[in-house]
Amino acid sequence: MTVWTDTLLVFVLLGDFFLLGSSRIRASIRTVAAQGLLLGFLPLLVQEGAETPRAVFLFAVGIGLRGVAFPWLLFRAQRAVMVRREAEPFVGFTPSLLAGTLGLVLCFWLGARLPLPRPAASVSSLVVPVAFFTIFTGLFLIVGRKTALAQVLGYLVIENGIYAFGVSQALVEPLLVEMGILLDAFAAVFVMGITIFHISREFDNIDVDQLASLKDWEP
């Protein structure tokens, strides 16, 4: 199981780097959806024995929300606002990849020094560093991108990282916490999708840098 878990986490890690270096919104949504599908299998992989009903439930909910519901909402928002690329990010794509490389080194350093409960420590040595780096990637997308849709993707990536870390604690943490995170993320994406659509319809732009000038706008 550890080999499959490590392979899954490597693909999640590659997805993080793709998000940092890509300007294409639809490709980024697909990448986040693929991350969600991969992370949906984590509850099954971290079980030491037969799959429990709890693990199967987490698998079904994770696949349904991260792999289907969230991407579907974002694709609808993307089609409504007709934004294909992140044209002028606050931080360029090459500097973003360099920052990601440094962040990955820092995440591995922190992961090696973080004391974990025995069940979590036995899952995989990559879980904690990859979870931290995924959270870092989401935060970077929020502060380094201009379009609201790319920033919404950042929130989803953060949730993916939190979920990966939470599943590594699946044998010691309550299910209620994990479900609470999923519910918060679902509500946030749903509200943000509606907001993005109405902003685009009213102002014909979802560039947050240009929207900031509206504070001085007089009707």
N, C-alpha and C. Protein backbone atom coordinates (compact mmCIF):
# COMPACT_ATOMS: atom_id res chain seq x y z
N MET A 1 0.81 -1.21 0.00
CA MET A 1 0.00 0.00 0.00
C MET A 1 0.86 1.27 0.00
N THR A 2 2.02 1.19 0.67
CA THR A 2 2.87 2.38 0.75
C THR A 2 3.37 2.80 -0.63
N VAL A 3 3.66 1.83 -1.50
CA VAL A 3 4.12 2.16 -2.85
C VAL A 3 3.04 2.91 -3.62
N TRP A 4 1.79 2.42 -3.53
CA TRP A 4 0.70 3.10 -4.21
C TRP A 4 0.47 4.49 -3.62
N THR A 5 0.57 4.60 -2.31
CA THR A 5 0.39 5.91 -1.67
C THR A 5 1.46 6.89 -2.12
N ASP A 6 2.73 6.43 -2.16
CA ASP A 6 3.81 7.31 -2.61
C ASP A 6 3.62 7.73 -4.06
N THR A 7 3.19 6.80 -4.91
CA THR A 7 2.95 7.13 -6.32
C THR A 7 1.85 8.18 -6.46
N LEU A 8 0.78 7.98 -5.72
CA LEU A 8 -0.33 8.94 -5.74
C LEU A 8 0.14 10.33 -5.30
N LEU A 9 0.93 10.37 -4.24
CA LEU A 9 1.39 11.65 -3.72
C LEU A 9 2.36 12.34 -4.67
N VAL A 10 3.14 11.57 -5.41
CA VAL A 10 4.05 12.16 -6.41
C VAL A 10 3.24 12.85 -7.51
N PHE A 11 2.15 12.22 -7.95
CA PHE A 11 1.30 12.85 -8.97
C PHE A 11 0.64 14.12 -8.42
N VAL A 12 0.23 14.11 -7.16
CA VAL A 12 -0.32 15.32 -6.54
C VAL A 12 0.73 16.42 -6.53
N LEU A 13 1.97 16.05 -6.21
CA LEU A 13 3.07 17.01 -6.19
C LEU A 13 3.31 17.60 -7.57
N LEU A 14 3.31 16.76 -8.60
CA LEU A 14 3.48 17.26 -9.97
C LEU A 14 2.34 18.20 -10.36
N GLY A 15 1.13 17.88 -9.90
CA GLY A 15 0.00 18.77 -10.16
C GLY A 15 0.19 20.14 -9.53
N ASP A 16 0.77 20.17 -8.34
CA ASP A 16 1.05 21.46 -7.70
C ASP A 16 2.00 22.30 -8.55
N PHE A 17 3.04 21.69 -9.06
CA PHE A 17 3.99 22.43 -9.90
C PHE A 17 3.34 22.88 -11.21
N PHE A 18 2.46 22.04 -11.75
CA PHE A 18 1.76 22.46 -12.97
C PHE A 18 0.90 23.70 -12.70
N LEU A 19 0.21 23.72 -11.57
CA LEU A 19 -0.62 24.87 -11.23
C LEU A 19 0.22 26.13 -11.07
N LEU A 20 1.41 25.99 -10.52
CA LEU A 20 2.27 27.16 -10.33
C LEU A 20 2.78 27.70 -11.67
N GLY A 21 2.94 26.82 -12.67
CA GLY A 21 3.55 27.25 -13.92
C GLY A 21 2.60 27.40 -15.08
N SER A 22 1.30 27.16 -14.89
CA SER A 22 0.36 27.20 -16.00
C SER A 22 -0.50 28.46 -15.96
N SER A 23 -0.76 29.01 -17.15
CA SER A 23 -1.64 30.17 -17.26
C SER A 23 -3.05 29.78 -17.72
N ARG A 24 -3.24 28.53 -18.12
CA ARG A 24 -4.52 28.09 -18.69
C ARG A 24 -5.50 27.72 -17.58
N ILE A 25 -6.62 28.40 -17.56
CA ILE A 25 -7.59 28.21 -16.48
C ILE A 25 -8.23 26.82 -16.56
N ARG A 26 -8.67 26.41 -17.75
CA ARG A 26 -9.33 25.11 -17.87
C ARG A 26 -8.39 23.96 -17.51
N ALA A 27 -7.15 24.05 -17.95
CA ALA A 27 -6.18 23.02 -17.60
C ALA A 27 -5.93 22.99 -16.10
N SER A 28 -5.94 24.16 -15.48
CA SER A 28 -5.75 24.22 -14.03
C SER A 28 -6.93 23.59 -13.29
N ILE A 29 -8.14 23.84 -13.79
CA ILE A 29 -9.32 23.22 -13.17
C ILE A 29 -9.23 21.70 -13.30
N ARG A 30 -8.82 21.22 -14.47
CA ARG A 30 -8.68 19.77 -14.66
C ARG A 30 -7.62 19.20 -13.72
N THR A 31 -6.55 19.95 -13.51
CA THR A 31 -5.49 19.48 -12.61
C THR A 31 -5.99 19.38 -11.18
N VAL A 32 -6.73 20.40 -10.74
CA VAL A 32 -7.29 20.36 -9.39
C VAL A 32 -8.29 19.21 -9.26
N ALA A 33 -9.07 18.96 -10.33
CA ALA A 33 -10.00 17.83 -10.31
C ALA A 33 -9.24 16.51 -10.22
N ALA A 34 -8.14 16.39 -10.97
CA ALA A 34 -7.34 15.17 -10.91
C ALA A 34 -6.75 14.98 -9.52
N GLN A 35 -6.29 16.07 -8.91
CA GLN A 35 -5.81 15.98 -7.54
C GLN A 35 -6.90 15.48 -6.61
N GLY A 36 -8.11 16.00 -6.79
CA GLY A 36 -9.22 15.57 -5.95
C GLY A 36 -9.52 14.10 -6.11
N LEU A 37 -9.47 13.61 -7.36
CA LEU A 37 -9.72 12.19 -7.60
C LEU A 37 -8.64 11.32 -6.95
N LEU A 38 -7.39 11.75 -7.09
CA LEU A 38 -6.29 10.98 -6.49
C LEU A 38 -6.40 10.96 -4.97
N LEU A 39 -6.65 12.13 -4.39
CA LEU A 39 -6.73 12.19 -2.93
C LEU A 39 -7.95 11.45 -2.41
N GLY A 40 -8.96 11.25 -3.26
CA GLY A 40 -10.11 10.49 -2.84
C GLY A 40 -9.76 9.05 -2.50
N PHE A 41 -8.67 8.52 -3.08
CA PHE A 41 -8.27 7.14 -2.81
C PHE A 41 -7.44 7.01 -1.53
N LEU A 42 -6.98 8.12 -0.97
CA LEU A 42 -6.13 8.05 0.21
C LEU A 42 -6.77 7.31 1.39
N PRO A 43 -8.04 7.57 1.71
CA PRO A 43 -8.63 6.85 2.86
C PRO A 43 -8.58 5.33 2.71
N LEU A 44 -8.64 4.83 1.47
CA LEU A 44 -8.56 3.39 1.26
C LEU A 44 -7.13 2.89 1.39
N LEU A 45 -6.16 3.73 0.99
CA LEU A 45 -4.77 3.30 1.00
C LEU A 45 -4.14 3.32 2.38
N VAL A 46 -4.64 4.21 3.26
CA VAL A 46 -4.02 4.32 4.57
C VAL A 46 -4.53 3.27 5.55
N GLN A 47 -5.55 2.51 5.17
CA GLN A 47 -6.07 1.46 6.05
C GLN A 47 -5.06 0.32 6.12
N GLU A 48 -4.78 -0.13 7.31
CA GLU A 48 -3.83 -1.21 7.49
C GLU A 48 -4.45 -2.57 7.19
N GLY A 49 -5.76 -2.67 7.33
CA GLY A 49 -6.44 -3.93 7.07
C GLY A 49 -7.49 -3.75 6.00
N ALA A 50 -8.63 -4.42 6.20
CA ALA A 50 -9.73 -4.29 5.25
C ALA A 50 -10.34 -2.90 5.33
N GLU A 51 -10.93 -2.45 4.21
CA GLU A 51 -11.53 -1.13 4.17
C GLU A 51 -12.72 -1.05 5.14
N THR A 52 -12.73 -0.01 5.93
CA THR A 52 -13.82 0.20 6.86
C THR A 52 -14.92 1.00 6.18
N PRO A 53 -16.15 0.93 6.71
CA PRO A 53 -17.21 1.78 6.14
C PRO A 53 -16.86 3.25 6.14
N ARG A 54 -16.14 3.69 7.17
CA ARG A 54 -15.74 5.09 7.23
C ARG A 54 -14.82 5.45 6.07
N ALA A 55 -13.84 4.58 5.77
CA ALA A 55 -12.92 4.84 4.67
C ALA A 55 -13.65 4.86 3.34
N VAL A 56 -14.59 3.94 3.14
CA VAL A 56 -15.36 3.90 1.90
C VAL A 56 -16.22 5.16 1.78
N PHE A 57 -16.78 5.62 2.90
CA PHE A 57 -17.60 6.83 2.88
C PHE A 57 -16.75 8.04 2.51
N LEU A 58 -15.56 8.15 3.11
CA LEU A 58 -14.66 9.26 2.78
C LEU A 58 -14.23 9.20 1.32
N PHE A 59 -13.99 7.99 0.81
CA PHE A 59 -13.63 7.82 -0.59
C PHE A 59 -14.74 8.33 -1.50
N ALA A 60 -15.98 7.92 -1.22
CA ALA A 60 -17.11 8.31 -2.06
C ALA A 60 -17.35 9.82 -2.01
N VAL A 61 -17.31 10.39 -0.81
CA VAL A 61 -17.55 11.83 -0.67
C VAL A 61 -16.41 12.62 -1.31
N GLY A 62 -15.17 12.17 -1.10
CA GLY A 62 -14.02 12.88 -1.68
C GLY A 62 -14.05 12.88 -3.19
N ILE A 63 -14.35 11.72 -3.80
CA ILE A 63 -14.44 11.63 -5.25
C ILE A 63 -15.59 12.49 -5.77
N GLY A 64 -16.74 12.40 -5.10
CA GLY A 64 -17.91 13.13 -5.57
C GLY A 64 -17.74 14.63 -5.52
N LEU A 65 -17.15 15.15 -4.43
CA LEU A 65 -17.00 16.59 -4.29
C LEU A 65 -15.78 17.12 -5.04
N ARG A 66 -14.59 16.56 -4.74
CA ARG A 66 -13.36 17.09 -5.34
C ARG A 66 -13.22 16.75 -6.82
N GLY A 67 -13.65 15.56 -7.19
CA GLY A 67 -13.46 15.14 -8.57
C GLY A 67 -14.59 15.49 -9.51
N VAL A 68 -15.80 15.76 -8.97
CA VAL A 68 -16.96 16.00 -9.82
C VAL A 68 -17.62 17.35 -9.52
N ALA A 69 -18.10 17.55 -8.29
CA ALA A 69 -18.91 18.73 -7.97
C ALA A 69 -18.10 20.03 -8.09
N PHE A 70 -16.94 20.09 -7.44
CA PHE A 70 -16.15 21.32 -7.48
C PHE A 70 -15.72 21.67 -8.91
N PRO A 71 -15.15 20.73 -9.68
CA PRO A 71 -14.78 21.09 -11.06
C PRO A 71 -15.97 21.50 -11.91
N TRP A 72 -17.11 20.83 -11.72
CA TRP A 72 -18.30 21.19 -12.50
C TRP A 72 -18.72 22.63 -12.23
N LEU A 73 -18.70 23.04 -10.96
CA LEU A 73 -19.04 24.43 -10.62
C LEU A 73 -18.05 25.40 -11.23
N LEU A 74 -16.77 25.06 -11.19
CA LEU A 74 -15.75 25.96 -11.72
C LEU A 74 -15.79 26.02 -13.24
N PHE A 75 -16.06 24.90 -13.90
CA PHE A 75 -16.20 24.93 -15.36
C PHE A 75 -17.38 25.80 -15.77
N ARG A 76 -18.47 25.72 -15.04
CA ARG A 76 -19.62 26.57 -15.33
C ARG A 76 -19.26 28.05 -15.18
N ALA A 77 -18.55 28.37 -14.10
CA ALA A 77 -18.14 29.75 -13.89
C ALA A 77 -17.18 30.21 -14.99
N GLN A 78 -16.27 29.31 -15.39
CA GLN A 78 -15.30 29.67 -16.43
C GLN A 78 -15.98 29.93 -17.77
N ARG A 79 -16.98 29.11 -18.10
CA ARG A 79 -17.71 29.34 -19.34
C ARG A 79 -18.53 30.63 -19.28
N ALA A 80 -19.06 30.93 -18.10
CA ALA A 80 -19.88 32.13 -17.97
C ALA A 80 -19.05 33.40 -18.12
N VAL A 81 -17.86 33.41 -17.54
CA VAL A 81 -17.04 34.63 -17.58
C VAL A 81 -16.11 34.65 -18.78
N MET A 82 -15.97 33.51 -19.48
CA MET A 82 -15.15 33.41 -20.69
C MET A 82 -13.72 33.87 -20.47
N VAL A 83 -13.11 33.37 -19.40
CA VAL A 83 -11.70 33.65 -19.12
C VAL A 83 -10.91 32.37 -19.40
N ARG A 84 -9.93 32.45 -20.29
CA ARG A 84 -9.17 31.26 -20.68
C ARG A 84 -7.79 31.22 -20.05
N ARG A 85 -7.21 32.39 -19.80
CA ARG A 85 -5.83 32.42 -19.30
C ARG A 85 -5.67 33.44 -18.19
N GLU A 86 -4.67 33.19 -17.36
CA GLU A 86 -4.20 34.17 -16.39
C GLU A 86 -3.12 34.98 -17.11
N ALA A 87 -3.51 36.13 -17.66
CA ALA A 87 -2.62 36.86 -18.57
C ALA A 87 -1.49 37.57 -17.83
N GLU A 88 -1.80 38.29 -16.77
CA GLU A 88 -0.79 39.10 -16.08
C GLU A 88 -0.85 38.85 -14.58
N PRO A 89 -0.29 37.75 -14.11
CA PRO A 89 -0.33 37.46 -12.67
C PRO A 89 0.54 38.44 -11.89
N PHE A 90 0.26 38.55 -10.59
CA PHE A 90 1.10 39.38 -9.74
C PHE A 90 2.53 38.84 -9.71
N VAL A 91 2.67 37.53 -9.71
CA VAL A 91 3.98 36.88 -9.73
C VAL A 91 4.06 36.04 -11.00
N GLY A 92 5.11 36.24 -11.80
CA GLY A 92 5.25 35.52 -13.05
C GLY A 92 5.34 34.02 -12.85
N PHE A 93 5.17 33.27 -13.93
CA PHE A 93 5.12 31.81 -13.82
C PHE A 93 6.49 31.20 -13.53
N THR A 94 7.54 31.75 -14.12
CA THR A 94 8.88 31.24 -13.81
C THR A 94 9.26 31.53 -12.36
N PRO A 95 9.08 32.77 -11.85
CA PRO A 95 9.32 32.99 -10.42
C PRO A 95 8.42 32.12 -9.54
N SER A 96 7.20 31.83 -10.00
CA SER A 96 6.32 30.98 -9.22
C SER A 96 6.90 29.57 -9.07
N LEU A 97 7.48 29.05 -10.16
CA LEU A 97 8.09 27.71 -10.09
C LEU A 97 9.32 27.72 -9.19
N LEU A 98 10.10 28.81 -9.25
CA LEU A 98 11.27 28.91 -8.37
C LEU A 98 10.84 28.98 -6.91
N ALA A 99 9.80 29.77 -6.65
CA ALA A 99 9.28 29.85 -5.28
C ALA A 99 8.74 28.50 -4.84
N GLY A 100 8.10 27.76 -5.77
CA GLY A 100 7.59 26.44 -5.45
C GLY A 100 8.71 25.47 -5.09
N THR A 101 9.84 25.55 -5.81
CA THR A 101 10.97 24.67 -5.51
C THR A 101 11.51 24.94 -4.10
N LEU A 102 11.65 26.23 -3.78
CA LEU A 102 12.11 26.58 -2.43
C LEU A 102 11.09 26.15 -1.38
N GLY A 103 9.80 26.35 -1.70
CA GLY A 103 8.76 25.94 -0.77
C GLY A 103 8.75 24.44 -0.54
N LEU A 104 9.03 23.66 -1.59
CA LEU A 104 9.07 22.21 -1.45
C LEU A 104 10.19 21.78 -0.51
N VAL A 105 11.36 22.40 -0.66
CA VAL A 105 12.48 22.09 0.24
C VAL A 105 12.09 22.40 1.68
N LEU A 106 11.46 23.55 1.89
CA LEU A 106 11.04 23.93 3.23
C LEU A 106 10.01 22.96 3.78
N CYS A 107 9.08 22.51 2.95
CA CYS A 107 8.04 21.58 3.39
C CYS A 107 8.62 20.24 3.79
N PHE A 108 9.61 19.75 3.05
CA PHE A 108 10.27 18.50 3.43
C PHE A 108 11.05 18.67 4.73
N TRP A 109 11.64 19.84 4.91
CA TRP A 109 12.38 20.09 6.15
C TRP A 109 11.42 20.12 7.34
N LEU A 110 10.27 20.80 7.17
CA LEU A 110 9.29 20.83 8.25
C LEU A 110 8.68 19.46 8.50
N GLY A 111 8.39 18.72 7.42
CA GLY A 111 7.78 17.41 7.58
C GLY A 111 8.68 16.43 8.31
N ALA A 112 10.00 16.57 8.12
CA ALA A 112 10.92 15.66 8.79
C ALA A 112 11.04 15.96 10.28
N ARG A 113 10.65 17.16 10.70
CA ARG A 113 10.80 17.55 12.09
C ARG A 113 9.48 17.63 12.86
N LEU A 114 8.38 17.35 12.18
CA LEU A 114 7.08 17.41 12.83
C LEU A 114 6.78 16.10 13.53
N PRO A 115 6.59 16.12 14.86
CA PRO A 115 6.24 14.88 15.55
C PRO A 115 4.83 14.45 15.23
N LEU A 116 4.65 13.19 14.86
CA LEU A 116 3.35 12.67 14.47
C LEU A 116 2.97 11.49 15.35
N PRO A 117 1.67 11.26 15.54
CA PRO A 117 1.23 10.04 16.23
C PRO A 117 1.70 8.81 15.46
N ARG A 118 1.86 7.70 16.15
CA ARG A 118 2.38 6.48 15.53
C ARG A 118 1.60 6.03 14.30
N PRO A 119 0.25 6.03 14.30
CA PRO A 119 -0.46 5.60 13.08
C PRO A 119 -0.17 6.48 11.89
N ALA A 120 -0.08 7.81 12.12
CA ALA A 120 0.18 8.72 11.00
C ALA A 120 1.60 8.56 10.48
N ALA A 121 2.54 8.31 11.39
CA ALA A 121 3.93 8.18 10.97
C ALA A 121 4.14 6.94 10.11
N SER A 122 3.27 5.94 10.23
CA SER A 122 3.44 4.70 9.48
C SER A 122 2.79 4.74 8.09
N VAL A 123 2.07 5.79 7.74
CA VAL A 123 1.36 5.85 6.47
C VAL A 123 2.34 6.00 5.32
N SER A 124 3.04 7.11 5.23
CA SER A 124 4.03 7.38 4.19
C SER A 124 4.83 8.59 4.61
N SER A 125 6.11 8.55 4.30
CA SER A 125 6.97 9.70 4.64
C SER A 125 6.69 10.90 3.76
N LEU A 126 5.95 10.71 2.66
CA LEU A 126 5.66 11.82 1.74
C LEU A 126 4.38 12.56 2.08
N VAL A 127 3.52 11.97 2.91
CA VAL A 127 2.20 12.57 3.13
C VAL A 127 2.30 13.98 3.68
N VAL A 128 3.04 14.16 4.75
CA VAL A 128 3.11 15.47 5.39
C VAL A 128 3.79 16.51 4.50
N PRO A 129 4.98 16.24 3.92
CA PRO A 129 5.58 17.25 3.03
C PRO A 129 4.70 17.61 1.84
N VAL A 130 4.07 16.62 1.21
CA VAL A 130 3.21 16.90 0.06
C VAL A 130 1.98 17.69 0.50
N ALA A 131 1.41 17.35 1.65
CA ALA A 131 0.25 18.10 2.16
C ALA A 131 0.64 19.55 2.42
N PHE A 132 1.79 19.77 3.06
CA PHE A 132 2.24 21.13 3.33
C PHE A 132 2.50 21.89 2.03
N PHE A 133 3.12 21.22 1.05
CA PHE A 133 3.42 21.90 -0.21
C PHE A 133 2.14 22.22 -0.97
N THR A 134 1.14 21.36 -0.89
CA THR A 134 -0.13 21.64 -1.55
C THR A 134 -0.80 22.85 -0.92
N ILE A 135 -0.74 22.95 0.41
CA ILE A 135 -1.28 24.14 1.09
C ILE A 135 -0.50 25.38 0.66
N PHE A 136 0.83 25.26 0.59
CA PHE A 136 1.66 26.38 0.13
C PHE A 136 1.28 26.80 -1.29
N THR A 137 1.05 25.82 -2.18
CA THR A 137 0.66 26.13 -3.55
C THR A 137 -0.66 26.89 -3.60
N GLY A 138 -1.63 26.44 -2.80
CA GLY A 138 -2.91 27.14 -2.77
C GLY A 138 -2.78 28.57 -2.30
N LEU A 139 -2.01 28.78 -1.25
CA LEU A 139 -1.79 30.14 -0.75
C LEU A 139 -1.09 30.99 -1.80
N PHE A 140 -0.14 30.41 -2.51
CA PHE A 140 0.59 31.16 -3.53
C PHE A 140 -0.34 31.55 -4.67
N LEU A 141 -1.25 30.66 -5.06
CA LEU A 141 -2.21 30.99 -6.12
C LEU A 141 -3.12 32.14 -5.69
N ILE A 142 -3.49 32.17 -4.42
CA ILE A 142 -4.38 33.23 -3.95
C ILE A 142 -3.69 34.59 -4.00
N VAL A 143 -2.44 34.65 -3.57
CA VAL A 143 -1.75 35.95 -3.50
C VAL A 143 -1.01 36.29 -4.79
N GLY A 144 -0.75 35.31 -5.66
CA GLY A 144 0.06 35.56 -6.84
C GLY A 144 -0.70 35.66 -8.14
N ARG A 145 -2.02 35.42 -8.12
CA ARG A 145 -2.81 35.48 -9.34
C ARG A 145 -3.82 36.62 -9.27
N LYS A 146 -4.21 37.14 -10.44
CA LYS A 146 -5.11 38.29 -10.47
C LYS A 146 -6.57 37.91 -10.66
N THR A 147 -6.85 36.90 -11.48
CA THR A 147 -8.25 36.58 -11.75
C THR A 147 -8.87 35.88 -10.55
N ALA A 148 -10.13 36.22 -10.32
CA ALA A 148 -10.84 35.64 -9.17
C ALA A 148 -10.97 34.13 -9.30
N LEU A 149 -11.11 33.64 -10.54
CA LEU A 149 -11.28 32.20 -10.73
C LEU A 149 -10.02 31.44 -10.34
N ALA A 150 -8.85 31.99 -10.67
CA ALA A 150 -7.60 31.35 -10.28
C ALA A 150 -7.44 31.36 -8.76
N GLN A 151 -7.92 32.42 -8.12
CA GLN A 151 -7.84 32.48 -6.67
C GLN A 151 -8.79 31.48 -6.01
N VAL A 152 -9.94 31.25 -6.62
CA VAL A 152 -10.84 30.21 -6.11
C VAL A 152 -10.16 28.85 -6.20
N LEU A 153 -9.44 28.60 -7.29
CA LEU A 153 -8.68 27.36 -7.39
C LEU A 153 -7.67 27.24 -6.25
N GLY A 154 -7.09 28.37 -5.86
CA GLY A 154 -6.17 28.35 -4.73
C GLY A 154 -6.81 27.85 -3.46
N TYR A 155 -8.04 28.27 -3.20
CA TYR A 155 -8.75 27.79 -2.02
C TYR A 155 -8.97 26.28 -2.09
N LEU A 156 -9.31 25.78 -3.27
CA LEU A 156 -9.52 24.34 -3.41
C LEU A 156 -8.23 23.57 -3.19
N VAL A 157 -7.12 24.10 -3.68
CA VAL A 157 -5.83 23.43 -3.50
C VAL A 157 -5.46 23.41 -2.02
N ILE A 158 -5.73 24.50 -1.32
CA ILE A 158 -5.49 24.51 0.13
C ILE A 158 -6.29 23.41 0.81
N GLU A 159 -7.56 23.28 0.41
CA GLU A 159 -8.41 22.26 1.02
C GLU A 159 -7.89 20.86 0.70
N ASN A 160 -7.36 20.68 -0.51
CA ASN A 160 -6.76 19.39 -0.85
C ASN A 160 -5.59 19.06 0.08
N GLY A 161 -4.76 20.06 0.35
CA GLY A 161 -3.63 19.84 1.24
C GLY A 161 -4.07 19.53 2.66
N ILE A 162 -5.06 20.26 3.14
CA ILE A 162 -5.57 20.00 4.49
C ILE A 162 -6.17 18.60 4.56
N TYR A 163 -6.87 18.20 3.51
CA TYR A 163 -7.49 16.88 3.48
C TYR A 163 -6.41 15.79 3.49
N ALA A 164 -5.34 15.98 2.70
CA ALA A 164 -4.27 14.99 2.67
C ALA A 164 -3.64 14.83 4.04
N PHE A 165 -3.41 15.95 4.72
CA PHE A 165 -2.84 15.86 6.06
C PHE A 165 -3.83 15.22 7.03
N GLY A 166 -5.11 15.56 6.89
CA GLY A 166 -6.12 14.99 7.78
C GLY A 166 -6.27 13.49 7.60
N VAL A 167 -6.19 13.01 6.35
CA VAL A 167 -6.32 11.58 6.10
C VAL A 167 -5.12 10.83 6.69
N SER A 168 -3.96 11.46 6.72
CA SER A 168 -2.81 10.81 7.34
C SER A 168 -3.04 10.61 8.83
N GLN A 169 -3.97 11.38 9.40
CA GLN A 169 -4.35 11.22 10.81
C GLN A 169 -5.66 10.46 10.94
N ALA A 170 -6.07 9.77 9.89
CA ALA A 170 -7.43 9.20 9.84
C ALA A 170 -7.70 8.21 10.97
N LEU A 171 -6.65 7.59 11.50
CA LEU A 171 -6.86 6.60 12.55
C LEU A 171 -6.97 7.23 13.93
N VAL A 172 -6.68 8.54 14.02
CA VAL A 172 -6.71 9.17 15.34
C VAL A 172 -7.60 10.39 15.40
N GLU A 173 -8.00 10.94 14.23
CA GLU A 173 -8.82 12.14 14.21
C GLU A 173 -10.28 11.77 13.92
N PRO A 174 -11.25 12.52 14.45
CA PRO A 174 -12.65 12.19 14.22
C PRO A 174 -13.11 12.52 12.81
N LEU A 175 -14.07 11.76 12.33
CA LEU A 175 -14.64 11.98 11.01
C LEU A 175 -15.32 13.34 10.91
N LEU A 176 -15.85 13.84 12.00
CA LEU A 176 -16.58 15.10 11.98
C LEU A 176 -15.72 16.26 11.49
N VAL A 177 -14.45 16.27 11.88
CA VAL A 177 -13.55 17.35 11.46
C VAL A 177 -13.36 17.31 9.94
N GLU A 178 -13.14 16.11 9.39
CA GLU A 178 -12.92 15.99 7.95
C GLU A 178 -14.16 16.41 7.17
N MET A 179 -15.33 16.00 7.63
CA MET A 179 -16.56 16.37 6.95
C MET A 179 -16.83 17.87 7.06
N GLY A 180 -16.43 18.46 8.19
CA GLY A 180 -16.60 19.90 8.35
C GLY A 180 -15.76 20.68 7.35
N ILE A 181 -14.54 20.22 7.10
CA ILE A 181 -13.68 20.86 6.12
C ILE A 181 -14.29 20.77 4.73
N LEU A 182 -14.79 19.58 4.37
CA LEU A 182 -15.41 19.41 3.06
C LEU A 182 -16.63 20.30 2.89
N LEU A 183 -17.45 20.40 3.94
CA LEU A 183 -18.65 21.23 3.86
C LEU A 183 -18.28 22.69 3.69
N ASP A 184 -17.28 23.16 4.43
CA ASP A 184 -16.84 24.55 4.31
C ASP A 184 -16.33 24.84 2.90
N ALA A 185 -15.54 23.91 2.37
CA ALA A 185 -15.00 24.11 1.02
C ALA A 185 -16.11 24.12 -0.02
N PHE A 186 -17.09 23.23 0.13
CA PHE A 186 -18.19 23.18 -0.83
C PHE A 186 -18.97 24.49 -0.81
N ALA A 187 -19.28 24.98 0.39
CA ALA A 187 -20.02 26.23 0.50
C ALA A 187 -19.22 27.39 -0.08
N ALA A 188 -17.91 27.41 0.18
CA ALA A 188 -17.06 28.50 -0.31
C ALA A 188 -17.02 28.51 -1.84
N VAL A 189 -16.82 27.34 -2.46
CA VAL A 189 -16.75 27.27 -3.92
C VAL A 189 -18.09 27.64 -4.54
N PHE A 190 -19.17 27.17 -3.95
CA PHE A 190 -20.50 27.47 -4.48
C PHE A 190 -20.76 28.97 -4.46
N VAL A 191 -20.47 29.61 -3.32
CA VAL A 191 -20.70 31.05 -3.20
C VAL A 191 -19.77 31.83 -4.12
N MET A 192 -18.51 31.42 -4.21
CA MET A 192 -17.56 32.12 -5.06
C MET A 192 -17.94 32.00 -6.53
N GLY A 193 -18.44 30.83 -6.94
CA GLY A 193 -18.87 30.66 -8.33
C GLY A 193 -20.00 31.61 -8.68
N ILE A 194 -20.97 31.72 -7.79
CA ILE A 194 -22.07 32.65 -8.02
C ILE A 194 -21.57 34.09 -8.05
N THR A 195 -20.67 34.43 -7.13
CA THR A 195 -20.13 35.79 -7.06
C THR A 195 -19.36 36.15 -8.33
N ILE A 196 -18.52 35.23 -8.79
CA ILE A 196 -17.74 35.48 -10.00
C ILE A 196 -18.66 35.72 -11.19
N PHE A 197 -19.71 34.92 -11.30
CA PHE A 197 -20.65 35.09 -12.42
C PHE A 197 -21.30 36.46 -12.39
N HIS A 198 -21.76 36.90 -11.22
CA HIS A 198 -22.44 38.19 -11.14
C HIS A 198 -21.46 39.35 -11.34
N ILE A 199 -20.24 39.21 -10.85
CA ILE A 199 -19.23 40.26 -11.07
C ILE A 199 -18.94 40.40 -12.55
N SER A 200 -18.77 39.27 -13.24
CA SER A 200 -18.49 39.32 -14.67
C SER A 200 -19.65 39.92 -15.45
N ARG A 201 -20.87 39.57 -15.08
CA ARG A 201 -22.02 40.10 -15.81
C ARG A 201 -22.18 41.60 -15.60
N GLU A 202 -21.80 42.09 -14.43
CA GLU A 202 -21.99 43.51 -14.11
C GLU A 202 -20.86 44.38 -14.65
N PHE A 203 -19.61 43.88 -14.55
CA PHE A 203 -18.46 44.72 -14.87
C PHE A 203 -17.62 44.19 -16.03
N ASP A 204 -17.98 43.04 -16.62
CA ASP A 204 -17.27 42.47 -17.76
C ASP A 204 -15.80 42.19 -17.47
N ASN A 205 -15.46 41.94 -16.21
CA ASN A 205 -14.08 41.64 -15.88
C ASN A 205 -14.03 40.99 -14.50
N ILE A 206 -13.14 40.01 -14.33
CA ILE A 206 -12.95 39.41 -13.01
C ILE A 206 -11.50 39.54 -12.57
N ASP A 207 -10.76 40.47 -13.19
CA ASP A 207 -9.40 40.76 -12.76
C ASP A 207 -9.48 41.53 -11.45
N VAL A 208 -9.00 40.94 -10.35
CA VAL A 208 -9.15 41.58 -9.04
C VAL A 208 -8.33 42.86 -8.95
N ASP A 209 -7.26 42.98 -9.77
CA ASP A 209 -6.48 44.21 -9.75
C ASP A 209 -7.29 45.37 -10.30
N GLN A 210 -8.07 45.12 -11.36
CA GLN A 210 -8.92 46.17 -11.92
C GLN A 210 -10.15 46.41 -11.05
N LEU A 211 -10.66 45.34 -10.44
CA LEU A 211 -11.83 45.51 -9.58
C LEU A 211 -11.51 46.35 -8.34
N ALA A 212 -10.23 46.38 -7.94
CA ALA A 212 -9.86 47.18 -6.78
C ALA A 212 -10.10 48.66 -7.01
N SER A 213 -10.07 49.10 -8.29
CA SER A 213 -10.28 50.51 -8.59
C SER A 213 -11.73 50.93 -8.38
N LEU A 214 -12.64 49.97 -8.20
CA LEU A 214 -14.05 50.30 -8.02
C LEU A 214 -14.31 51.01 -6.68
N LYS A 215 -13.33 50.97 -5.78
CA LYS A 215 -13.57 51.63 -4.48
C LYS A 215 -13.73 53.13 -4.63
N ASP A 216 -13.21 53.68 -5.74
CA ASP A 216 -13.35 55.12 -5.99
C ASP A 216 -14.42 55.41 -7.04
N TRP A 217 -15.15 54.36 -7.44
CA TRP A 217 -16.12 54.54 -8.51
C TRP A 217 -17.42 55.15 -7.96
N GLU A 218 -17.95 56.13 -8.70
CA GLU A 218 -19.22 56.76 -8.31
C GLU A 218 -20.24 56.50 -9.40
N PRO A 219 -21.40 55.96 -9.04
CA PRO A 219 -22.43 55.67 -10.05
C PRO A 219 -22.97 56.96 -10.66
